């Protein structure tokens, strides 16, 4: 599960990076995104909006923590990282997603195969993305399956199950001269 914590920050920008990862266990979130780095119009001119991703399990301590406490923890972490001041958060909202990432067990391929075979019986059903394909795809792979699904609706014949089947990531591939 995941809790998305959106903060409206009274600063024009926090970073030039869209994603900042926080792998240290002392932080409640492990990544945040600053949308203004993709589109200047996604936030007011003198403010920025970030989304901190707080991973957890449905029903655990973090999932059940009240919203204000989660926001306080995320804010404390950003202050500790010297990205914001203590009073820079103007407002916030949270979104909790119970099923954020696929969790594989020893039999997941068999289970997915049964569901996939059943769903293929529907000619007008198009499913894509991380949860629908039960794949731990990167965002680029998830978006690619969405684009292929749209093309399929318009007559193409992409196999969405082929996306992210390669053994290495696109980012690591090089062209030989």
C-alpha atoms as a PDB file:
ATOM      1  CA  UNK A   1       0.000   0.000   0.000  1.00  0.00           C
ATOM      2  CA  UNK A   2       1.041   3.611  -0.323  1.00  0.00           C
ATOM      3  CA  UNK A   3       0.037   6.964   1.112  1.00  0.00           C
ATOM      4  CA  UNK A   4       0.557   9.892  -1.251  1.00  0.00           C
ATOM      5  CA  UNK A   5       1.121  13.100   0.720  1.00  0.00           C
ATOM      6  CA  UNK A   6       0.675  16.217  -1.426  1.00  0.00           C
ATOM      7  CA  UNK A   7       2.105  19.405   0.040  1.00  0.00           C
ATOM      8  CA  UNK A   8       1.634  22.939  -1.262  1.00  0.00           C
ATOM      9  CA  UNK A   9       4.911  24.655  -0.397  1.00  0.00           C
ATOM     10  CA  UNK A  10       5.408  28.421  -0.153  1.00  0.00           C
ATOM     11  CA  UNK A  11       8.568  28.374  -2.252  1.00  0.00           C
ATOM     12  CA  UNK A  12       8.880  28.743  -6.006  1.00  0.00           C
ATOM     13  CA  UNK A  13      10.813  25.467  -6.308  1.00  0.00           C
ATOM     14  CA  UNK A  14      12.611  22.934  -4.098  1.00  0.00           C
ATOM     15  CA  UNK A  15      14.873  21.207  -6.585  1.00  0.00           C
ATOM     16  CA  UNK A  16      15.657  20.868 -10.271  1.00  0.00           C
ATOM     17  CA  UNK A  17      15.032  17.127  -9.951  1.00  0.00           C
ATOM     18  CA  UNK A  18      11.565  15.718 -10.472  1.00  0.00           C
ATOM     19  CA  UNK A  19      12.194  12.755  -8.166  1.00  0.00           C
ATOM     20  CA  UNK A  20      14.282  12.753  -5.026  1.00  0.00           C
ATOM     21  CA  UNK A  21      14.843   9.412  -3.355  1.00  0.00           C
ATOM     22  CA  UNK A  22      15.234   9.089   0.406  1.00  0.00           C
ATOM     23  CA  UNK A  23      16.482   5.549   1.120  1.00  0.00           C
ATOM     24  CA  UNK A  24      17.433   6.224   4.736  1.00  0.00           C
ATOM     25  CA  UNK A  25      15.186   4.429   7.241  1.00  0.00           C
ATOM     26  CA  UNK A  26      14.901   7.594   9.341  1.00  0.00           C
ATOM     27  CA  UNK A  27      12.597   9.140   6.717  1.00  0.00           C
ATOM     28  CA  UNK A  28       8.929   8.154   6.559  1.00  0.00           C
ATOM     29  CA  UNK A  29       8.777   8.484   2.773  1.00  0.00           C
ATOM     30  CA  UNK A  30      11.165   7.006   0.271  1.00  0.00           C
ATOM     31  CA  UNK A  31      10.620   9.384  -2.627  1.00  0.00           C
ATOM     32  CA  UNK A  32       9.026  12.653  -3.492  1.00  0.00           C
ATOM     33  CA  UNK A  33       8.116  14.249  -6.792  1.00  0.00           C
ATOM     34  CA  UNK A  34       8.047  17.927  -7.675  1.00  0.00           C
ATOM     35  CA  UNK A  35       5.611  18.314 -10.551  1.00  0.00           C
ATOM     36  CA  UNK A  36       6.747  21.787 -11.495  1.00  0.00           C
ATOM     37  CA  UNK A  37       9.884  20.201 -12.951  1.00  0.00           C
ATOM     38  CA  UNK A  38       7.745  18.567 -15.651  1.00  0.00           C
ATOM     39  CA  UNK A  39       5.395  21.490 -16.189  1.00  0.00           C
ATOM     40  CA  UNK A  40       5.806  25.030 -14.821  1.00  0.00           C
ATOM     41  CA  UNK A  41       2.011  25.444 -14.896  1.00  0.00           C
ATOM     42  CA  UNK A  42       1.365  22.626 -12.435  1.00  0.00           C
ATOM     43  CA  UNK A  43       1.796  24.939  -9.430  1.00  0.00           C
ATOM     44  CA  UNK A  44       1.122  28.615  -8.666  1.00  0.00           C
ATOM     45  CA  UNK A  45       4.023  30.923  -9.645  1.00  0.00           C
ATOM     46  CA  UNK A  46       5.401  31.477  -6.129  1.00  0.00           C
ATOM     47  CA  UNK A  47       4.598  27.994  -4.848  1.00  0.00           C
ATOM     48  CA  UNK A  48       5.371  24.402  -5.672  1.00  0.00           C
ATOM     49  CA  UNK A  49       3.520  21.157  -5.059  1.00  0.00           C
ATOM     50  CA  UNK A  50       5.292  17.964  -4.098  1.00  0.00           C
ATOM     51  CA  UNK A  51       4.062  14.444  -3.556  1.00  0.00           C
ATOM     52  CA  UNK A  52       5.802  12.355  -0.915  1.00  0.00           C
ATOM     53  CA  UNK A  53       5.311   8.607  -1.303  1.00  0.00           C
ATOM     54  CA  UNK A  54       4.950   6.772   1.999  1.00  0.00           C
ATOM     55  CA  UNK A  55       4.976   3.012   1.447  1.00  0.00           C
ATOM     56  CA  UNK A  56       3.307   0.756   3.978  1.00  0.00           C
ATOM     57  CA  UNK A  57       1.059  -2.264   4.295  1.00  0.00           C
ATOM     58  CA  UNK A  58      -2.712  -1.979   4.463  1.00  0.00           C
ATOM     59  CA  UNK A  59      -3.753  -1.829   8.108  1.00  0.00           C
ATOM     60  CA  UNK A  60      -0.271  -1.257   9.554  1.00  0.00           C
ATOM     61  CA  UNK A  61       0.858   1.545  11.867  1.00  0.00           C
ATOM     62  CA  UNK A  62       1.540   4.007   9.048  1.00  0.00           C
ATOM     63  CA  UNK A  63      -1.688   3.207   7.172  1.00  0.00           C
ATOM     64  CA  UNK A  64      -3.668   3.842  10.368  1.00  0.00           C
ATOM     65  CA  UNK A  65      -1.727   6.962  11.388  1.00  0.00           C
ATOM     66  CA  UNK A  66      -3.890  10.088  11.320  1.00  0.00           C
ATOM     67  CA  UNK A  67      -3.386  12.412   8.357  1.00  0.00           C
ATOM     68  CA  UNK A  68      -1.928  15.275  10.378  1.00  0.00           C
ATOM     69  CA  UNK A  69       0.759  13.032  11.890  1.00  0.00           C
ATOM     70  CA  UNK A  70       1.820  11.688   8.479  1.00  0.00           C
ATOM     71  CA  UNK A  71       2.022  15.251   7.130  1.00  0.00           C
ATOM     72  CA  UNK A  72       4.030  16.326  10.191  1.00  0.00           C
ATOM     73  CA  UNK A  73       6.509  13.459   9.666  1.00  0.00           C
ATOM     74  CA  UNK A  74       6.943  14.240   5.947  1.00  0.00           C
ATOM     75  CA  UNK A  75       7.380  17.933   6.758  1.00  0.00           C
ATOM     76  CA  UNK A  76       9.930  17.164   9.509  1.00  0.00           C
ATOM     77  CA  UNK A  77      11.913  15.053   7.042  1.00  0.00           C
ATOM     78  CA  UNK A  78      11.956  17.813   4.414  1.00  0.00           C
ATOM     79  CA  UNK A  79      13.055  20.337   7.054  1.00  0.00           C
ATOM     80  CA  UNK A  80      15.806  17.972   8.195  1.00  0.00           C
ATOM     81  CA  UNK A  81      16.950  17.660   4.563  1.00  0.00           C
ATOM     82  CA  UNK A  82      17.009  21.491   4.478  1.00  0.00           C
ATOM     83  CA  UNK A  83      14.631  21.598   1.527  1.00  0.00           C
ATOM     84  CA  UNK A  84      11.927  23.606   3.298  1.00  0.00           C
ATOM     85  CA  UNK A  85      11.474  25.688   6.428  1.00  0.00           C
ATOM     86  CA  UNK A  86       9.187  24.647   9.290  1.00  0.00           C
ATOM     87  CA  UNK A  87       6.408  27.017   8.193  1.00  0.00           C
ATOM     88  CA  UNK A  88       6.632  26.578   4.413  1.00  0.00           C
ATOM     89  CA  UNK A  89       3.701  24.127   4.044  1.00  0.00           C
ATOM     90  CA  UNK A  90       0.555  26.061   3.175  1.00  0.00           C
ATOM     91  CA  UNK A  91      -1.812  23.136   2.713  1.00  0.00           C
ATOM     92  CA  UNK A  92      -1.919  19.410   2.063  1.00  0.00           C
ATOM     93  CA  UNK A  93      -4.057  16.491   1.043  1.00  0.00           C
ATOM     94  CA  UNK A  94      -3.544  12.744   1.213  1.00  0.00           C
ATOM     95  CA  UNK A  95      -4.519   9.864  -1.009  1.00  0.00           C
ATOM     96  CA  UNK A  96      -4.282   6.274   0.239  1.00  0.00           C
ATOM     97  CA  UNK A  97      -3.919   3.481  -2.279  1.00  0.00           C
ATOM     98  CA  UNK A  98      -4.512   0.019  -0.822  1.00  0.00           C
ATOM     99  CA  UNK A  99      -3.104  -1.930  -3.786  1.00  0.00           C
ATOM    100  CA  UNK A 100      -0.150   0.100  -5.034  1.00  0.00           C
ATOM    101  CA  UNK A 101       2.346  -2.552  -6.067  1.00  0.00           C
ATOM    102  CA  UNK A 102       2.066  -6.193  -7.044  1.00  0.00           C
ATOM    103  CA  UNK A 103       3.364  -8.531  -4.369  1.00  0.00           C
ATOM    104  CA  UNK A 104       4.624 -11.750  -5.875  1.00  0.00           C
ATOM    105  CA  UNK A 105       4.389 -15.145  -4.255  1.00  0.00           C
ATOM    106  CA  UNK A 106       5.625 -18.514  -5.514  1.00  0.00           C
ATOM    107  CA  UNK A 107       2.441 -19.093  -7.533  1.00  0.00           C
ATOM    108  CA  UNK A 108       1.763 -15.625  -8.929  1.00  0.00           C
ATOM    109  CA  UNK A 109       2.542 -16.626 -12.549  1.00  0.00           C
ATOM    110  CA  UNK A 110      -0.032 -19.408 -12.383  1.00  0.00           C
ATOM    111  CA  UNK A 111      -2.636 -17.109 -10.834  1.00  0.00           C
ATOM    112  CA  UNK A 112      -1.977 -14.347 -13.365  1.00  0.00           C
ATOM    113  CA  UNK A 113      -2.235 -16.874 -16.201  1.00  0.00           C
ATOM    114  CA  UNK A 114      -5.697 -17.981 -15.056  1.00  0.00           C
ATOM    115  CA  UNK A 115      -6.916 -14.375 -14.855  1.00  0.00           C
ATOM    116  CA  UNK A 116      -5.265 -13.427 -18.167  1.00  0.00           C
ATOM    117  CA  UNK A 117      -6.922 -16.370 -19.959  1.00  0.00           C
ATOM    118  CA  UNK A 118     -10.304 -15.396 -18.541  1.00  0.00           C
ATOM    119  CA  UNK A 119      -9.963 -11.713 -19.482  1.00  0.00           C
ATOM    120  CA  UNK A 120      -8.871 -12.567 -23.035  1.00  0.00           C
ATOM    121  CA  UNK A 121     -12.414 -13.862 -23.564  1.00  0.00           C
ATOM    122  CA  UNK A 122     -13.650 -10.254 -23.664  1.00  0.00           C
ATOM    123  CA  UNK A 123     -12.983  -8.650 -27.049  1.00  0.00           C
ATOM    124  CA  UNK A 124     -13.764  -5.108 -25.915  1.00  0.00           C
ATOM    125  CA  UNK A 125     -11.761  -5.117 -22.659  1.00  0.00           C
ATOM    126  CA  UNK A 126      -8.434  -3.304 -22.616  1.00  0.00           C
ATOM    127  CA  UNK A 127      -6.392  -3.404 -19.425  1.00  0.00           C
ATOM    128  CA  UNK A 128      -2.961  -1.932 -18.832  1.00  0.00           C
ATOM    129  CA  UNK A 129      -0.618  -0.604 -16.200  1.00  0.00           C
ATOM    130  CA  UNK A 130       0.991  -1.957 -13.080  1.00  0.00           C
ATOM    131  CA  UNK A 131      -2.071  -3.321 -11.295  1.00  0.00           C
ATOM    132  CA  UNK A 132      -3.979  -4.607 -14.317  1.00  0.00           C
ATOM    133  CA  UNK A 133      -0.993  -6.551 -15.660  1.00  0.00           C
ATOM    134  CA  UNK A 134       0.212  -7.457 -12.156  1.00  0.00           C
ATOM    135  CA  UNK A 135       3.693  -6.255 -13.015  1.00  0.00           C
ATOM    136  CA  UNK A 136       6.107  -4.150 -11.051  1.00  0.00           C
ATOM    137  CA  UNK A 137       6.665  -1.865 -14.034  1.00  0.00           C
ATOM    138  CA  UNK A 138       8.477   1.434 -14.000  1.00  0.00           C
ATOM    139  CA  UNK A 139       6.371   4.457 -14.844  1.00  0.00           C
ATOM    140  CA  UNK A 140       7.703   4.493 -18.423  1.00  0.00           C
ATOM    141  CA  UNK A 141       6.545   0.901 -18.935  1.00  0.00           C
ATOM    142  CA  UNK A 142       3.153   1.636 -17.377  1.00  0.00           C
ATOM    143  CA  UNK A 143       2.677   4.665 -19.624  1.00  0.00           C
ATOM    144  CA  UNK A 144       3.782   2.662 -22.672  1.00  0.00           C
ATOM    145  CA  UNK A 145       1.143  -0.001 -21.976  1.00  0.00           C
ATOM    146  CA  UNK A 146      -1.455   2.795 -21.724  1.00  0.00           C
ATOM    147  CA  UNK A 147      -0.379   4.269 -25.062  1.00  0.00           C
ATOM    148  CA  UNK A 148      -0.396   0.832 -26.691  1.00  0.00           C
ATOM    149  CA  UNK A 149      -3.860   0.144 -25.269  1.00  0.00           C
ATOM    150  CA  UNK A 150      -5.161   3.350 -26.859  1.00  0.00           C
ATOM    151  CA  UNK A 151      -3.580   2.343 -30.175  1.00  0.00           C
ATOM    152  CA  UNK A 152      -5.179  -1.112 -29.835  1.00  0.00           C
ATOM    153  CA  UNK A 153      -8.592   0.487 -29.340  1.00  0.00           C
ATOM    154  CA  UNK A 154      -7.942   2.288 -32.628  1.00  0.00           C
ATOM    155  CA  UNK A 155      -7.087  -0.918 -34.484  1.00  0.00           C
ATOM    156  CA  UNK A 156      -3.449  -1.724 -33.659  1.00  0.00           C
ATOM    157  CA  UNK A 157      -2.475  -5.122 -32.285  1.00  0.00           C
ATOM    158  CA  UNK A 158       0.177  -4.528 -29.593  1.00  0.00           C
ATOM    159  CA  UNK A 159       0.745  -7.294 -27.064  1.00  0.00           C
ATOM    160  CA  UNK A 160       0.878  -5.389 -23.767  1.00  0.00           C
ATOM    161  CA  UNK A 161       2.332  -8.448 -22.060  1.00  0.00           C
ATOM    162  CA  UNK A 162       5.513  -7.974 -24.128  1.00  0.00           C
ATOM    163  CA  UNK A 163       6.257  -4.609 -22.502  1.00  0.00           C
ATOM    164  CA  UNK A 164       9.070  -4.879 -19.952  1.00  0.00           C
ATOM    165  CA  UNK A 165       9.946  -8.442 -20.870  1.00  0.00           C
ATOM    166  CA  UNK A 166      13.529  -7.605 -21.770  1.00  0.00           C
ATOM    167  CA  UNK A 167      16.224  -8.635 -19.322  1.00  0.00           C
ATOM    168  CA  UNK A 168      17.775  -5.181 -19.057  1.00  0.00           C
ATOM    169  CA  UNK A 169      16.297  -1.742 -18.616  1.00  0.00           C
ATOM    170  CA  UNK A 170      15.996   0.715 -21.487  1.00  0.00           C
ATOM    171  CA  UNK A 171      18.094   3.219 -19.553  1.00  0.00           C
ATOM    172  CA  UNK A 172      21.035   0.823 -19.540  1.00  0.00           C
ATOM    173  CA  UNK A 173      21.022  -0.034 -23.247  1.00  0.00           C
ATOM    174  CA  UNK A 174      23.664   1.535 -25.452  1.00  0.00           C
ATOM    175  CA  UNK A 175      23.939   1.814 -29.190  1.00  0.00           C
ATOM    176  CA  UNK A 176      26.964   0.271 -30.784  1.00  0.00           C
ATOM    177  CA  UNK A 177      28.640   2.302 -33.503  1.00  0.00           C
END
